[in-house]
Amino acid sequence: MLRFGDPNPEVDSTQQTEDLGSNAVEATKLGLLNLERVSKYLVKATSKPGKDYELLSIEYGALLSQWSREMGHVANVVGGVQEINLYYGDADRRFFPNSAEYQQQAVSFLVDHAFSSPALFTGADIVGRLTAEGTAQRVLNAQNGVLRNLVARQRIDRLTEIVQTSTNAVYPPTKLFSDLHDGLFHELNDKPVEIDLYRRNLQRSFIDMLVGDIKIPADNSDLPALARAELEGIRAQIQKTDVASAKPLVQMHLKDLQARITLALDPRRFADEK
């Protein structure tokens, strides 16, 4: 059977450039193995005695871009549908939502591989040759792209509509936020609480995204309500966390997160606390 269609990856995860397979998660696992293999000989392949590291810098950027593209393939599984252009009389629908199990698999993969500290891009052998600073920001920019894609209003709206209309098992937006929360803040369950630089950056960014969703709420969308509930949940968890044995910078970081959330949710309370 031959299938034809225009690329529409943010809606149909089977219509993606570089990934037309039946499982974007499995395909991306193989893609990451390739990136890890390439990264091991990146310096040797791009550097020559007496020459600068311009080519290494270019290829490092290409490696990061390819990583982002691979992760985007997986993010598009969430809230995604498969469009099959069946005509009237052939079937009673054209759009078939991805299974709840497949979407759960995609989110779990992203939590483990996209939102963890990315050793692939932070090795001293490469970074030490390229820059004295800025690597953490480049990594955060890439992670932010995946995270924004995952909690974009269009994706959340599609998830809520699927929940409303589907008669099969669904992956609701509340589960998406719950899974992200458990993944992005799992260190709060550890003793002592250890949160490295890359995770601190991502936690701050996630909270700022949620704050933006309630400061300028989208019309006719459940996203602002979900964002507000998530902010309240993060603040409550931080308040219950024992940070006495944590490093001073981690304690400061968690206090800062609480302050950002309080300023967004309860600006009068924030002013009184100051």
C-alpha atoms as a PDB file:
ATOM      1  CA  MET A   1       0.000   0.000   0.000  1.00  0.00           C
ATOM      2  CA  LEU A   2       1.307   3.443  -0.914  1.00  0.00           C
ATOM      3  CA  ARG A   3       0.535   6.495   1.225  1.00  0.00           C
ATOM      4  CA  PHE A   4       0.993  10.121   0.279  1.00  0.00           C
ATOM      5  CA  GLY A   5       0.688  13.278   2.334  1.00  0.00           C
ATOM      6  CA  ASP A   6       2.162  16.674   3.016  1.00  0.00           C
ATOM      7  CA  PRO A   7       4.439  16.971   6.066  1.00  0.00           C
ATOM      8  CA  ASN A   8       2.336  17.798   9.108  1.00  0.00           C
ATOM      9  CA  PRO A   9       4.514  16.564  11.996  1.00  0.00           C
ATOM     10  CA  GLU A  10       2.990  18.595  14.819  1.00  0.00           C
ATOM     11  CA  VAL A  11      -0.364  16.904  14.226  1.00  0.00           C
ATOM     12  CA  ASP A  12       0.445  13.619  12.487  1.00  0.00           C
ATOM     13  CA  SER A  13       3.570  11.958  13.875  1.00  0.00           C
ATOM     14  CA  THR A  14       3.715   9.606  10.870  1.00  0.00           C
ATOM     15  CA  GLN A  15       4.341  12.575   8.548  1.00  0.00           C
ATOM     16  CA  GLN A  16       7.774  13.673   9.765  1.00  0.00           C
ATOM     17  CA  THR A  17      10.933  14.401   7.828  1.00  0.00           C
ATOM     18  CA  GLU A  18      13.622  11.802   8.571  1.00  0.00           C
ATOM     19  CA  ASP A  19      11.146   9.563  10.400  1.00  0.00           C
ATOM     20  CA  LEU A  20       8.360   7.767   8.563  1.00  0.00           C
ATOM     21  CA  GLY A  21       8.520   4.625  10.666  1.00  0.00           C
ATOM     22  CA  SER A  22       5.835   3.079  12.823  1.00  0.00           C
ATOM     23  CA  ASN A  23       7.411   4.090  16.149  1.00  0.00           C
ATOM     24  CA  ALA A  24       9.172   7.431  16.594  1.00  0.00           C
ATOM     25  CA  VAL A  25      10.493   6.439  20.018  1.00  0.00           C
ATOM     26  CA  GLU A  26      12.301   3.351  18.735  1.00  0.00           C
ATOM     27  CA  ALA A  27      13.623   5.279  15.739  1.00  0.00           C
ATOM     28  CA  THR A  28      14.978   8.028  17.998  1.00  0.00           C
ATOM     29  CA  LYS A  29      16.679   5.491  20.250  1.00  0.00           C
ATOM     30  CA  LEU A  30      18.673   4.412  17.197  1.00  0.00           C
ATOM     31  CA  GLY A  31      19.247   8.038  16.235  1.00  0.00           C
ATOM     32  CA  LEU A  32      20.726   8.803  19.662  1.00  0.00           C
ATOM     33  CA  LEU A  33      23.071   5.830  19.384  1.00  0.00           C
ATOM     34  CA  ASN A  34      24.339   7.332  16.143  1.00  0.00           C
ATOM     35  CA  LEU A  35      24.827  10.743  17.744  1.00  0.00           C
ATOM     36  CA  GLU A  36      26.748   9.185  20.629  1.00  0.00           C
ATOM     37  CA  ARG A  37      28.956   7.333  18.144  1.00  0.00           C
ATOM     38  CA  VAL A  38      29.631  10.492  16.141  1.00  0.00           C
ATOM     39  CA  SER A  39      30.396  12.576  19.223  1.00  0.00           C
ATOM     40  CA  LYS A  40      33.238  10.239  20.214  1.00  0.00           C
ATOM     41  CA  TYR A  41      35.286  11.082  17.134  1.00  0.00           C
ATOM     42  CA  LEU A  42      34.047  14.637  16.504  1.00  0.00           C
ATOM     43  CA  VAL A  43      37.323  16.253  17.584  1.00  0.00           C
ATOM     44  CA  LYS A  44      39.502  13.894  15.562  1.00  0.00           C
ATOM     45  CA  ALA A  45      37.329  14.181  12.468  1.00  0.00           C
ATOM     46  CA  THR A  46      37.242  17.999  12.418  1.00  0.00           C
ATOM     47  CA  SER A  47      40.647  19.063  13.747  1.00  0.00           C
ATOM     48  CA  LYS A  48      44.104  19.200  12.175  1.00  0.00           C
ATOM     49  CA  PRO A  49      47.459  20.262  13.657  1.00  0.00           C
ATOM     50  CA  GLY A  50      48.031  23.985  13.281  1.00  0.00           C
ATOM     51  CA  LYS A  51      44.374  24.698  12.466  1.00  0.00           C
ATOM     52  CA  ASP A  52      41.681  26.358  14.591  1.00  0.00           C
ATOM     53  CA  TYR A  53      38.477  24.752  15.832  1.00  0.00           C
ATOM     54  CA  GLU A  54      36.009  26.462  13.478  1.00  0.00           C
ATOM     55  CA  LEU A  55      34.923  23.199  11.866  1.00  0.00           C
ATOM     56  CA  LEU A  56      34.559  21.550  15.271  1.00  0.00           C
ATOM     57  CA  SER A  57      32.290  24.411  16.362  1.00  0.00           C
ATOM     58  CA  ILE A  58      30.154  24.044  13.234  1.00  0.00           C
ATOM     59  CA  GLU A  59      29.784  20.293  13.636  1.00  0.00           C
ATOM     60  CA  TYR A  60      29.066  20.609  17.356  1.00  0.00           C
ATOM     61  CA  GLY A  61      26.182  22.912  16.453  1.00  0.00           C
ATOM     62  CA  ALA A  62      25.008  20.433  13.827  1.00  0.00           C
ATOM     63  CA  LEU A  63      25.095  17.651  16.414  1.00  0.00           C
ATOM     64  CA  LEU A  64      22.938  19.717  18.769  1.00  0.00           C
ATOM     65  CA  SER A  65      20.510  20.571  15.965  1.00  0.00           C
ATOM     66  CA  GLN A  66      20.144  16.922  14.990  1.00  0.00           C
ATOM     67  CA  TRP A  67      19.504  16.008  18.626  1.00  0.00           C
ATOM     68  CA  SER A  68      16.719  18.612  18.745  1.00  0.00           C
ATOM     69  CA  ARG A  69      15.202  17.239  15.551  1.00  0.00           C
ATOM     70  CA  GLU A  70      15.270  13.685  16.897  1.00  0.00           C
ATOM     71  CA  MET A  71      13.591  14.743  20.148  1.00  0.00           C
ATOM     72  CA  GLY A  72      10.981  16.697  18.220  1.00  0.00           C
ATOM     73  CA  HIS A  73       9.979  13.494  16.450  1.00  0.00           C
ATOM     74  CA  VAL A  74       9.122  11.973  19.828  1.00  0.00           C
ATOM     75  CA  ALA A  75       7.364  15.066  21.205  1.00  0.00           C
ATOM     76  CA  ASN A  76       5.003  15.026  18.231  1.00  0.00           C
ATOM     77  CA  VAL A  77       3.701  11.619  19.277  1.00  0.00           C
ATOM     78  CA  VAL A  78       1.967  13.280  22.246  1.00  0.00           C
ATOM     79  CA  GLY A  79      -1.475  14.496  21.251  1.00  0.00           C
ATOM     80  CA  GLY A  80      -0.721  13.237  17.759  1.00  0.00           C
ATOM     81  CA  VAL A  81      -3.068  11.564  15.325  1.00  0.00           C
ATOM     82  CA  GLN A  82      -2.651   9.498  12.202  1.00  0.00           C
ATOM     83  CA  GLU A  83      -4.452  10.966   9.220  1.00  0.00           C
ATOM     84  CA  ILE A  84      -5.670   8.396   6.727  1.00  0.00           C
ATOM     85  CA  ASN A  85      -7.560   9.979   3.857  1.00  0.00           C
ATOM     86  CA  LEU A  86     -10.327   7.443   3.598  1.00  0.00           C
ATOM     87  CA  TYR A  87     -13.361   8.454   1.568  1.00  0.00           C
ATOM     88  CA  TYR A  88     -17.003   8.329   2.550  1.00  0.00           C
ATOM     89  CA  GLY A  89     -18.094   4.715   2.520  1.00  0.00           C
ATOM     90  CA  ASP A  90     -14.604   3.428   3.368  1.00  0.00           C
ATOM     91  CA  ALA A  91     -14.644   4.398   7.055  1.00  0.00           C
ATOM     92  CA  ASP A  92     -16.420   6.704   9.471  1.00  0.00           C
ATOM     93  CA  ARG A  93     -13.326   8.800  10.281  1.00  0.00           C
ATOM     94  CA  ARG A  94     -10.034  10.095   8.863  1.00  0.00           C
ATOM     95  CA  PHE A  95      -8.114  10.942  12.061  1.00  0.00           C
ATOM     96  CA  PHE A  96      -6.969   8.230  14.478  1.00  0.00           C
ATOM     97  CA  PRO A  97      -5.334   9.368  17.751  1.00  0.00           C
ATOM     98  CA  ASN A  98      -2.098   7.744  18.828  1.00  0.00           C
ATOM     99  CA  SER A  99      -2.655   5.152  21.527  1.00  0.00           C
ATOM    100  CA  ALA A 100      -2.337   6.186  25.164  1.00  0.00           C
ATOM    101  CA  GLU A 101       0.439   3.612  25.616  1.00  0.00           C
ATOM    102  CA  TYR A 102       2.446   5.073  22.728  1.00  0.00           C
ATOM    103  CA  GLN A 103       2.088   8.614  24.085  1.00  0.00           C
ATOM    104  CA  GLN A 104       3.150   7.483  27.563  1.00  0.00           C
ATOM    105  CA  GLN A 105       6.181   5.792  26.040  1.00  0.00           C
ATOM    106  CA  ALA A 106       7.087   9.037  24.264  1.00  0.00           C
ATOM    107  CA  VAL A 107       6.866  11.200  27.396  1.00  0.00           C
ATOM    108  CA  SER A 108       8.854   8.709  29.467  1.00  0.00           C
ATOM    109  CA  PHE A 109      11.548   8.694  26.797  1.00  0.00           C
ATOM    110  CA  LEU A 110      11.766  12.487  26.752  1.00  0.00           C
ATOM    111  CA  VAL A 111      11.974  12.683  30.541  1.00  0.00           C
ATOM    112  CA  ASP A 112      14.871  10.218  30.515  1.00  0.00           C
ATOM    113  CA  HIS A 113      16.758  11.503  27.471  1.00  0.00           C
ATOM    114  CA  ALA A 114      15.742  15.072  26.600  1.00  0.00           C
ATOM    115  CA  PHE A 115      15.378  16.561  30.071  1.00  0.00           C
ATOM    116  CA  SER A 116      18.263  14.857  31.850  1.00  0.00           C
ATOM    117  CA  SER A 117      21.726  16.400  32.126  1.00  0.00           C
ATOM    118  CA  PRO A 118      23.110  16.000  28.601  1.00  0.00           C
ATOM    119  CA  ALA A 119      26.570  14.428  28.872  1.00  0.00           C
ATOM    120  CA  LEU A 120      26.585  14.162  25.075  1.00  0.00           C
ATOM    121  CA  PHE A 121      27.151  17.924  24.749  1.00  0.00           C
ATOM    122  CA  THR A 122      29.086  18.783  27.877  1.00  0.00           C
ATOM    123  CA  GLY A 123      32.215  16.646  27.594  1.00  0.00           C
ATOM    124  CA  ALA A 124      35.363  18.597  28.434  1.00  0.00           C
ATOM    125  CA  ASP A 125      37.176  17.189  25.389  1.00  0.00           C
ATOM    126  CA  ILE A 126      34.866  19.180  23.093  1.00  0.00           C
ATOM    127  CA  VAL A 127      33.615  22.074  25.206  1.00  0.00           C
ATOM    128  CA  GLY A 128      37.084  22.923  26.496  1.00  0.00           C
ATOM    129  CA  ARG A 129      38.170  23.578  22.906  1.00  0.00           C
ATOM    130  CA  LEU A 130      35.194  25.751  21.945  1.00  0.00           C
ATOM    131  CA  THR A 131      34.242  28.202  24.667  1.00  0.00           C
ATOM    132  CA  ALA A 132      34.798  29.339  28.233  1.00  0.00           C
ATOM    133  CA  GLU A 133      31.067  29.846  28.775  1.00  0.00           C
ATOM    134  CA  GLY A 134      27.716  29.539  27.077  1.00  0.00           C
ATOM    135  CA  THR A 135      27.490  25.757  26.750  1.00  0.00           C
ATOM    136  CA  ALA A 136      24.793  25.533  29.436  1.00  0.00           C
ATOM    137  CA  GLN A 137      22.719  28.135  27.592  1.00  0.00           C
ATOM    138  CA  ARG A 138      23.032  26.306  24.269  1.00  0.00           C
ATOM    139  CA  VAL A 139      21.950  23.083  25.925  1.00  0.00           C
ATOM    140  CA  LEU A 140      19.042  24.837  27.652  1.00  0.00           C
ATOM    141  CA  ASN A 141      17.904  26.376  24.366  1.00  0.00           C
ATOM    142  CA  ALA A 142      17.733  22.903  22.836  1.00  0.00           C
ATOM    143  CA  GLN A 143      15.889  21.445  25.816  1.00  0.00           C
ATOM    144  CA  ASN A 144      13.522  24.412  25.892  1.00  0.00           C
ATOM    145  CA  GLY A 145      12.573  23.788  22.289  1.00  0.00           C
ATOM    146  CA  VAL A 146      11.471  20.261  23.148  1.00  0.00           C
ATOM    147  CA  LEU A 147       9.664  21.338  26.318  1.00  0.00           C
ATOM    148  CA  ARG A 148       7.806  24.198  24.638  1.00  0.00           C
ATOM    149  CA  ASN A 149       6.756  21.866  21.853  1.00  0.00           C
ATOM    150  CA  LEU A 150       5.440  19.359  24.375  1.00  0.00           C
ATOM    151  CA  VAL A 151       3.292  21.843  26.351  1.00  0.00           C
ATOM    152  CA  ALA A 152       2.268  24.048  23.436  1.00  0.00           C
ATOM    153  CA  ARG A 153      -1.328  25.238  23.524  1.00  0.00           C
ATOM    154  CA  GLN A 154      -2.241  23.449  20.275  1.00  0.00           C
ATOM    155  CA  ARG A 155      -0.981  20.146  21.642  1.00  0.00           C
ATOM    156  CA  ILE A 156      -2.776  20.579  24.973  1.00  0.00           C
ATOM    157  CA  ASP A 157      -5.998  21.538  23.202  1.00  0.00           C
ATOM    158  CA  ARG A 158      -5.762  18.476  20.979  1.00  0.00           C
ATOM    159  CA  LEU A 159      -5.215  16.227  24.004  1.00  0.00           C
ATOM    160  CA  THR A 160      -8.289  17.641  25.751  1.00  0.00           C
ATOM    161  CA  GLU A 161     -10.433  17.164  22.658  1.00  0.00           C
ATOM    162  CA  ILE A 162      -9.272  13.565  22.308  1.00  0.00           C
ATOM    163  CA  VAL A 163     -10.175  12.960  25.968  1.00  0.00           C
ATOM    164  CA  GLN A 164     -13.617  14.449  25.355  1.00  0.00           C
ATOM    165  CA  THR A 165     -14.443  12.480  22.219  1.00  0.00           C
ATOM    166  CA  SER A 166     -12.525   9.198  22.352  1.00  0.00           C
ATOM    167  CA  THR A 167     -14.082   5.963  23.502  1.00  0.00           C
ATOM    168  CA  ASN A 168     -10.667   4.282  23.843  1.00  0.00           C
ATOM    169  CA  ALA A 169      -8.040   4.662  26.569  1.00  0.00           C
ATOM    170  CA  VAL A 170      -6.547   8.160  26.462  1.00  0.00           C
ATOM    171  CA  TYR A 171      -3.469  10.022  27.660  1.00  0.00           C
ATOM    172  CA  PRO A 172      -4.979  13.144  29.263  1.00  0.00           C
ATOM    173  CA  PRO A 173      -3.140  16.471  29.647  1.00  0.00           C
ATOM    174  CA  THR A 174      -3.274  16.071  33.431  1.00  0.00           C
ATOM    175  CA  LYS A 175      -1.159  12.920  33.065  1.00  0.00           C
ATOM    176  CA  LEU A 176       1.275  14.770  30.802  1.00  0.00           C
ATOM    177  CA  PHE A 177       1.852  17.450  33.436  1.00  0.00           C
ATOM    178  CA  SER A 178       2.083  14.847  36.184  1.00  0.00           C
ATOM    179  CA  ASP A 179       4.743  12.923  34.267  1.00  0.00           C
ATOM    180  CA  LEU A 180       6.692  16.096  33.519  1.00  0.00           C
ATOM    181  CA  HIS A 181       6.522  17.125  37.165  1.00  0.00           C
ATOM    182  CA  ASP A 182       7.810  13.748  38.354  1.00  0.00           C
ATOM    183  CA  GLY A 183      10.632  13.887  35.831  1.00  0.00           C
ATOM    184  CA  LEU A 184      11.756  17.498  36.151  1.00  0.00           C
ATOM    185  CA  PHE A 185      11.610  17.624  39.946  1.00  0.00           C
ATOM    186  CA  HIS A 186      12.455  14.072  40.968  1.00  0.00           C
ATOM    187  CA  GLU A 187      15.530  15.324  42.880  1.00  0.00           C
ATOM    188  CA  LEU A 188      13.210  16.765  45.524  1.00  0.00           C
ATOM    189  CA  ASN A 189      12.588  13.203  46.689  1.00  0.00           C
ATOM    190  CA  ASP A 190      16.302  12.567  47.302  1.00  0.00           C
ATOM    191  CA  LYS A 191      18.312  13.107  50.487  1.00  0.00           C
ATOM    192  CA  PRO A 192      20.325  15.194  50.278  1.00  0.00           C
ATOM    193  CA  VAL A 193      18.692  17.162  47.470  1.00  0.00           C
ATOM    194  CA  GLU A 194      21.199  17.504  44.605  1.00  0.00           C
ATOM    195  CA  ILE A 195      20.225  19.586  41.546  1.00  0.00           C
ATOM    196  CA  ASP A 196      22.933  20.243  38.971  1.00  0.00           C
ATOM    197  CA  LEU A 197      23.324  23.326  36.792  1.00  0.00           C
ATOM    198  CA  TYR A 198      21.512  21.940  33.748  1.00  0.00           C
ATOM    199  CA  ARG A 199      18.515  20.790  35.763  1.00  0.00           C
ATOM    200  CA  ARG A 200      18.319  24.094  37.653  1.00  0.00           C
ATOM    201  CA  ASN A 201      18.238  25.932  34.342  1.00  0.00           C
ATOM    202  CA  LEU A 202      15.475  23.687  33.015  1.00  0.00           C
ATOM    203  CA  GLN A 203      13.379  23.947  36.191  1.00  0.00           C
ATOM    204  CA  ARG A 204      13.533  27.746  36.078  1.00  0.00           C
ATOM    205  CA  SER A 205      12.617  27.728  32.422  1.00  0.00           C
ATOM    206  CA  PHE A 206       9.654  25.388  32.938  1.00  0.00           C
ATOM    207  CA  ILE A 207       8.261  27.599  35.686  1.00  0.00           C
ATOM    208  CA  ASP A 208       8.696  30.705  33.546  1.00  0.00           C
ATOM    209  CA  MET A 209       6.797  28.980  30.718  1.00  0.00           C
ATOM    210  CA  LEU A 210       3.924  28.159  33.077  1.00  0.00           C
ATOM    211  CA  VAL A 211       3.902  31.695  34.470  1.00  0.00           C
ATOM    212  CA  GLY A 212       3.585  33.022  30.926  1.00  0.00           C
ATOM    213  CA  ASP A 213       0.584  30.753  30.356  1.00  0.00           C
ATOM    214  CA  ILE A 214      -1.316  32.311  33.252  1.00  0.00           C
ATOM    215  CA  LYS A 215      -0.164  35.911  32.812  1.00  0.00           C
ATOM    216  CA  ILE A 216      -1.462  35.976  29.241  1.00  0.00           C
ATOM    217  CA  PRO A 217      -4.023  33.157  29.328  1.00  0.00           C
ATOM    218  CA  ALA A 218      -5.108  31.604  26.078  1.00  0.00           C
ATOM    219  CA  ASP A 219      -8.805  31.909  25.261  1.00  0.00           C
ATOM    220  CA  ASN A 220     -10.897  28.749  25.257  1.00  0.00           C
ATOM    221  CA  SER A 221      -8.099  26.488  26.444  1.00  0.00           C
ATOM    222  CA  ASP A 222      -7.452  24.384  29.539  1.00  0.00           C
ATOM    223  CA  LEU A 223      -3.761  25.282  29.404  1.00  0.00           C
ATOM    224  CA  PRO A 224      -3.956  28.210  31.895  1.00  0.00           C
ATOM    225  CA  ALA A 225      -5.760  26.027  34.435  1.00  0.00           C
ATOM    226  CA  LEU A 226      -3.238  23.228  33.995  1.00  0.00           C
ATOM    227  CA  ALA A 227      -0.342  25.686  34.318  1.00  0.00           C
ATOM    228  CA  ARG A 228      -1.767  27.191  37.511  1.00  0.00           C
ATOM    229  CA  ALA A 229      -2.319  23.774  39.082  1.00  0.00           C
ATOM    230  CA  GLU A 230       1.215  22.710  38.175  1.00  0.00           C
ATOM    231  CA  LEU A 231       2.741  25.853  39.700  1.00  0.00           C
ATOM    232  CA  GLU A 232       0.783  25.277  42.905  1.00  0.00           C
ATOM    233  CA  GLY A 233       1.950  21.669  42.975  1.00  0.00           C
ATOM    234  CA  ILE A 234       5.613  22.589  42.484  1.00  0.00           C
ATOM    235  CA  ARG A 235       5.458  25.201  45.240  1.00  0.00           C
ATOM    236  CA  ALA A 236       3.774  22.787  47.645  1.00  0.00           C
ATOM    237  CA  GLN A 237       6.377  20.104  46.996  1.00  0.00           C
ATOM    238  CA  ILE A 238       9.278  22.516  47.513  1.00  0.00           C
ATOM    239  CA  GLN A 239       7.742  23.705  50.789  1.00  0.00           C
ATOM    240  CA  LYS A 240       7.605  20.105  52.053  1.00  0.00           C
ATOM    241  CA  THR A 241      11.141  19.267  50.947  1.00  0.00           C
ATOM    242  CA  ASP A 242      13.871  19.039  53.571  1.00  0.00           C
ATOM    243  CA  VAL A 243      16.751  21.053  52.117  1.00  0.00           C
ATOM    244  CA  ALA A 244      18.775  21.450  55.312  1.00  0.00           C
ATOM    245  CA  SER A 245      21.529  19.166  54.006  1.00  0.00           C
ATOM    246  CA  ALA A 246      21.454  20.530  50.450  1.00  0.00           C
ATOM    247  CA  LYS A 247      24.220  22.708  49.082  1.00  0.00           C
ATOM    248  CA  PRO A 248      23.697  26.454  49.626  1.00  0.00           C
ATOM    249  CA  LEU A 249      23.205  27.124  45.910  1.00  0.00           C
ATOM    250  CA  VAL A 250      20.499  24.459  45.704  1.00  0.00           C
ATOM    251  CA  GLN A 251      18.719  25.998  48.700  1.00  0.00           C
ATOM    252  CA  MET A 252      18.878  29.424  47.048  1.00  0.00           C
ATOM    253  CA  HIS A 253      17.582  27.948  43.794  1.00  0.00           C
ATOM    254  CA  LEU A 254      14.528  26.407  45.464  1.00  0.00           C
ATOM    255  CA  LYS A 255      13.763  29.624  47.332  1.00  0.00           C
ATOM    256  CA  ASP A 256      13.967  31.463  44.030  1.00  0.00           C
ATOM    257  CA  LEU A 257      11.529  29.035  42.418  1.00  0.00           C
ATOM    258  CA  GLN A 258       9.064  29.547  45.251  1.00  0.00           C
ATOM    259  CA  ALA A 259       9.385  33.320  44.917  1.00  0.00           C
ATOM    260  CA  ARG A 260       8.769  33.206  41.164  1.00  0.00           C
ATOM    261  CA  ILE A 261       5.657  31.102  41.665  1.00  0.00           C
ATOM    262  CA  THR A 262       4.311  33.259  44.493  1.00  0.00           C
ATOM    263  CA  LEU A 263       4.885  36.420  42.470  1.00  0.00           C
ATOM    264  CA  ALA A 264       2.845  34.931  39.629  1.00  0.00           C
ATOM    265  CA  LEU A 265       0.040  33.403  41.689  1.00  0.00           C
ATOM    266  CA  ASP A 266      -0.151  35.740  44.695  1.00  0.00           C
ATOM    267  CA  PRO A 267       1.517  39.074  43.896  1.00  0.00           C
ATOM    268  CA  ARG A 268       0.101  40.735  47.033  1.00  0.00           C
ATOM    269  CA  ARG A 269       1.442  37.954  49.228  1.00  0.00           C
ATOM    270  CA  PHE A 270       4.817  38.284  47.506  1.00  0.00           C
ATOM    271  CA  ALA A 271       4.883  42.017  48.273  1.00  0.00           C
ATOM    272  CA  ASP A 272       4.020  41.355  51.925  1.00  0.00           C
ATOM    273  CA  GLU A 273       6.754  38.724  52.254  1.00  0.00           C
ATOM    274  CA  LYS A 274       9.307  41.128  50.848  1.00  0.00           C
END
